[in-house]
Amino acid sequence: MRAPLRGAITALITPFTDQGRVDEAALGALVDWQVTEGIHGLVPVGSTGEAVTLSLSERERIVAITVERVGGRVPVIAGAGSNDTAAAITASLALAKAGASHLLHVSPMYNKPPQRGILAHFRAIADAAPVPIVVYNVPGRTGSNVLPETTLALAEHPNICAVKEASGDLGQIDEIIRHRPAGFAVLSGDDSLTLAVMVAGGDGVISVISNAVPRACAALVESAARGDLAAARAGHHRLAPLVDAAFAESNPMPIKAALALMGRARNVLRLPLVPMDTRHEPALRAALAAAGVSL
């Protein structure tokens, strides 16, 4: 059955110790803070969580910690994607067993299948998964676009409940919103487009910057959802410098630097990612201050 997804949902970073192991204490504290601040959902072990450099056992443990600390208060949408359909199904079963309420699956990268291959990939996963699936379209990372007609065909599957749309194409996103079936959520995958997607009739955002400012992101989406566009627009403008700063280099390098400045995680990443270039730090500090973060 479809489980409705809406609001500001954080694509969680994965905190690491200085030795590069998962920092379970920092992860638990981050999850607690996110929920207390009013975030509407969490996505552990996605691209922001550096999932491609985590083993499946590490991903299971991260999801289990997140689920335990959330305690049923918000959905936990675990990143289970792979360009190997069989591996994606294996991860789906494992992360659902670890307690995830939903699974986020990115369109296959590198293989670059045709649209009928993308359809077959997601349908096979959805048929096998015991919890609902969110389709993730991010052409900038995968090298191929999930076309609106493909997303809409997938939306008819009873176990596919939403799309995270990060194509950056508002016309494409609007087409999906206009023609989607009832109960199928459309979530922005770009922080810069949250307001635009909400105004078009979308349901929220899976956000990077909400790692640092969950309350402000939740307030923006809530304002837009109730039709208070003046408040939503003000929130959008207040957060715009942080959106720019958070993507000055590859995600999650800048947002991890931000959380390190805030004392919520170490600025440790797994290779090939490296800490953000320090020349971006003044802009990042200024953006956090503009967003209301005290350092």
Foldseek 3Di string as FASTA:
>chain_A
DFDFDFFEEEADAFFADPVGHGPLVLLLVLLLVLVVLPGAYYEALDVLNVVVPDDLVSQLVSLLSNCVSCVPVHAYAYEQEELDLVSSLVSLASNVVSPHQHYEYEQRAPVQDPLVVSLVSVVVSQVRHPHAYEYEAACVGRVDGNALVSVQVVLPDPRHQEYADAPPDLVRLLVNQVRHDPRRAYAYAALLCQLVSLLSPGGYYHDHLCSPVSNLRRQLRVCSNVPVVVSNVVSSVLQVLLSCLCVPDDHPQRSLVVCVVVVSHPNDDDPPDDHDDCVSVVSNVVSCVSNPDDD
